[in-house]
N, C-alpha and C. Protein backbone atom coordinates (compact mmCIF):
# COMPACT_ATOMS: atom_id res chain seq x y z
N UNK A 1 -2.29 15.69 -6.47
CA UNK A 1 -1.59 14.81 -5.56
C UNK A 1 -1.76 15.32 -4.13
N UNK A 2 -2.26 14.48 -3.26
CA UNK A 2 -2.51 14.95 -1.89
C UNK A 2 -1.25 15.01 -1.02
N UNK A 3 -0.16 14.36 -1.42
CA UNK A 3 1.04 14.33 -0.58
C UNK A 3 2.05 15.35 -1.06
N UNK A 4 2.66 16.06 -0.11
CA UNK A 4 3.63 17.09 -0.44
C UNK A 4 4.86 16.96 0.43
N UNK A 5 5.95 17.53 -0.06
CA UNK A 5 7.20 17.58 0.68
C UNK A 5 7.58 19.04 0.88
N UNK A 6 7.96 19.38 2.10
CA UNK A 6 8.40 20.74 2.40
C UNK A 6 9.70 20.69 3.18
N UNK A 7 10.55 21.66 2.94
CA UNK A 7 11.79 21.76 3.69
C UNK A 7 11.49 22.31 5.07
N UNK A 8 12.12 21.74 6.08
CA UNK A 8 11.94 22.21 7.46
C UNK A 8 12.82 23.44 7.65
N UNK A 9 12.25 24.46 8.23
CA UNK A 9 12.96 25.72 8.41
C UNK A 9 14.16 25.56 9.34
N UNK A 10 15.27 26.16 8.96
CA UNK A 10 16.52 26.17 9.74
C UNK A 10 17.13 24.79 9.95
N UNK A 11 16.73 23.82 9.16
CA UNK A 11 17.30 22.48 9.26
C UNK A 11 17.52 21.94 7.85
N UNK A 12 18.39 20.96 7.76
CA UNK A 12 18.68 20.36 6.47
C UNK A 12 17.88 19.07 6.32
N UNK A 13 16.56 19.17 6.43
CA UNK A 13 15.70 18.00 6.31
C UNK A 13 14.34 18.40 5.75
N UNK A 14 13.52 17.38 5.45
CA UNK A 14 12.24 17.59 4.78
C UNK A 14 11.11 16.89 5.53
N UNK A 15 9.89 17.41 5.31
CA UNK A 15 8.69 16.88 5.95
C UNK A 15 7.75 16.40 4.85
N UNK A 16 7.13 15.24 5.05
CA UNK A 16 6.14 14.71 4.11
C UNK A 16 4.79 14.74 4.81
N UNK A 17 3.79 15.33 4.13
CA UNK A 17 2.48 15.45 4.77
C UNK A 17 1.38 15.36 3.73
N UNK A 18 0.16 15.11 4.21
CA UNK A 18 -1.02 15.09 3.37
C UNK A 18 -1.53 16.52 3.28
N UNK A 19 -1.68 17.00 2.07
CA UNK A 19 -2.04 18.40 1.86
C UNK A 19 -3.45 18.71 2.36
N UNK A 20 -4.36 17.75 2.24
CA UNK A 20 -5.75 18.00 2.64
C UNK A 20 -5.94 17.90 4.15
N UNK A 21 -5.42 16.81 4.76
CA UNK A 21 -5.66 16.58 6.19
C UNK A 21 -4.55 17.12 7.08
N UNK A 22 -3.42 17.50 6.49
CA UNK A 22 -2.24 18.00 7.21
C UNK A 22 -1.58 16.94 8.08
N UNK A 23 -1.90 15.66 7.86
CA UNK A 23 -1.27 14.58 8.61
C UNK A 23 0.19 14.44 8.17
N UNK A 24 1.10 14.36 9.12
CA UNK A 24 2.52 14.27 8.82
C UNK A 24 2.96 12.81 8.81
N UNK A 25 3.67 12.41 7.75
CA UNK A 25 4.16 11.05 7.61
C UNK A 25 5.66 10.95 7.86
N UNK A 26 6.39 12.04 7.68
CA UNK A 26 7.82 12.08 7.98
C UNK A 26 8.14 13.48 8.47
N UNK A 27 8.74 13.59 9.66
CA UNK A 27 8.99 14.90 10.24
C UNK A 27 10.30 15.52 9.78
N UNK A 28 11.38 14.76 9.84
CA UNK A 28 12.68 15.30 9.46
C UNK A 28 13.48 14.19 8.80
N UNK A 29 13.50 14.21 7.47
CA UNK A 29 14.18 13.17 6.73
C UNK A 29 14.92 13.79 5.55
N UNK A 30 15.77 13.01 4.91
CA UNK A 30 16.51 13.52 3.77
C UNK A 30 15.57 13.68 2.58
N UNK A 31 16.03 14.42 1.58
CA UNK A 31 15.19 14.67 0.41
C UNK A 31 14.90 13.38 -0.35
N UNK A 32 15.91 12.52 -0.48
CA UNK A 32 15.71 11.27 -1.22
C UNK A 32 14.73 10.35 -0.49
N UNK A 33 14.83 10.27 0.82
CA UNK A 33 13.91 9.44 1.59
C UNK A 33 12.49 10.02 1.58
N UNK A 34 12.38 11.35 1.54
CA UNK A 34 11.07 11.98 1.46
C UNK A 34 10.39 11.64 0.14
N UNK A 35 11.16 11.63 -0.96
CA UNK A 35 10.59 11.25 -2.25
C UNK A 35 10.15 9.80 -2.25
N UNK A 36 10.94 8.92 -1.63
CA UNK A 36 10.57 7.51 -1.52
C UNK A 36 9.27 7.35 -0.74
N UNK A 37 9.14 8.11 0.35
CA UNK A 37 7.94 8.05 1.18
C UNK A 37 6.72 8.47 0.37
N UNK A 38 6.85 9.53 -0.42
CA UNK A 38 5.74 9.98 -1.26
C UNK A 38 5.34 8.89 -2.25
N UNK A 39 6.32 8.26 -2.89
CA UNK A 39 6.04 7.20 -3.85
C UNK A 39 5.31 6.03 -3.18
N UNK A 40 5.73 5.67 -1.98
CA UNK A 40 5.09 4.58 -1.25
C UNK A 40 3.64 4.93 -0.91
N UNK A 41 3.41 6.13 -0.43
CA UNK A 41 2.05 6.55 -0.08
C UNK A 41 1.14 6.57 -1.29
N UNK A 42 1.67 7.05 -2.42
CA UNK A 42 0.87 7.06 -3.65
C UNK A 42 0.56 5.65 -4.11
N UNK A 43 1.54 4.75 -4.01
CA UNK A 43 1.32 3.36 -4.43
C UNK A 43 0.25 2.70 -3.57
N UNK A 44 0.29 2.93 -2.28
CA UNK A 44 -0.71 2.35 -1.38
C UNK A 44 -2.10 2.89 -1.70
N UNK A 45 -2.17 4.17 -2.01
CA UNK A 45 -3.47 4.80 -2.26
C UNK A 45 -4.04 4.48 -3.65
N UNK A 46 -3.21 4.54 -4.69
CA UNK A 46 -3.73 4.48 -6.05
C UNK A 46 -3.47 3.18 -6.80
N UNK A 47 -2.49 2.38 -6.41
CA UNK A 47 -2.16 1.17 -7.14
C UNK A 47 -2.82 -0.03 -6.47
N UNK A 48 -3.86 -0.53 -7.09
CA UNK A 48 -4.67 -1.59 -6.48
C UNK A 48 -3.87 -2.87 -6.25
N UNK A 49 -3.08 -3.30 -7.24
CA UNK A 49 -2.32 -4.54 -7.09
C UNK A 49 -1.25 -4.40 -6.01
N UNK A 50 -0.61 -3.25 -5.92
CA UNK A 50 0.39 -3.02 -4.88
C UNK A 50 -0.26 -3.06 -3.50
N UNK A 51 -1.41 -2.43 -3.39
CA UNK A 51 -2.12 -2.38 -2.10
C UNK A 51 -2.49 -3.79 -1.63
N UNK A 52 -2.97 -4.63 -2.54
CA UNK A 52 -3.33 -6.00 -2.17
C UNK A 52 -2.10 -6.79 -1.75
N UNK A 53 -1.01 -6.64 -2.47
CA UNK A 53 0.23 -7.34 -2.11
C UNK A 53 0.76 -6.83 -0.77
N UNK A 54 0.66 -5.54 -0.56
CA UNK A 54 1.13 -4.91 0.67
C UNK A 54 0.34 -5.41 1.88
N UNK A 55 -0.96 -5.57 1.73
CA UNK A 55 -1.81 -6.02 2.82
C UNK A 55 -1.56 -7.49 3.16
N UNK A 56 -1.17 -8.29 2.15
CA UNK A 56 -0.89 -9.71 2.39
C UNK A 56 0.48 -9.91 3.05
N UNK A 57 1.30 -8.91 3.09
CA UNK A 57 2.61 -9.04 3.68
C UNK A 57 3.69 -9.40 2.68
N UNK A 58 3.41 -9.22 1.40
CA UNK A 58 4.40 -9.50 0.36
C UNK A 58 5.47 -8.44 0.32
N UNK A 59 6.48 -8.68 -0.45
CA UNK A 59 7.59 -7.74 -0.52
C UNK A 59 7.66 -7.12 -1.90
N UNK A 60 7.47 -5.84 -1.95
CA UNK A 60 7.69 -5.06 -3.16
C UNK A 60 8.88 -4.18 -2.87
N UNK A 61 9.95 -4.36 -3.59
CA UNK A 61 11.13 -3.52 -3.38
C UNK A 61 11.61 -2.98 -4.71
N UNK A 62 12.32 -1.90 -4.65
CA UNK A 62 12.91 -1.32 -5.83
C UNK A 62 14.27 -1.95 -6.05
N UNK A 63 14.67 -2.06 -7.31
CA UNK A 63 15.98 -2.59 -7.63
C UNK A 63 17.04 -1.58 -7.25
N UNK A 64 18.14 -2.06 -6.71
CA UNK A 64 19.24 -1.17 -6.37
C UNK A 64 20.14 -1.00 -7.58
N UNK A 65 20.45 0.24 -7.89
CA UNK A 65 21.32 0.53 -9.02
C UNK A 65 22.73 0.70 -8.52
N UNK A 66 23.66 0.08 -9.21
CA UNK A 66 25.05 0.18 -8.80
C UNK A 66 25.83 1.12 -9.67
């Protein structure tokens, strides 16, 4: 997996980045939002049907659990 999450030093937040290119996608975010960001990046990269829907401007959302 090319995307990783790391805790930011001396802060209560996380960073999401590409392990190969070191490109940062989230600088200081919560752990749950960092995991969501990773899932989104993986879906865009590896899921062909999601990528096509995403490029057309469709809406893919997760169900909210109550």
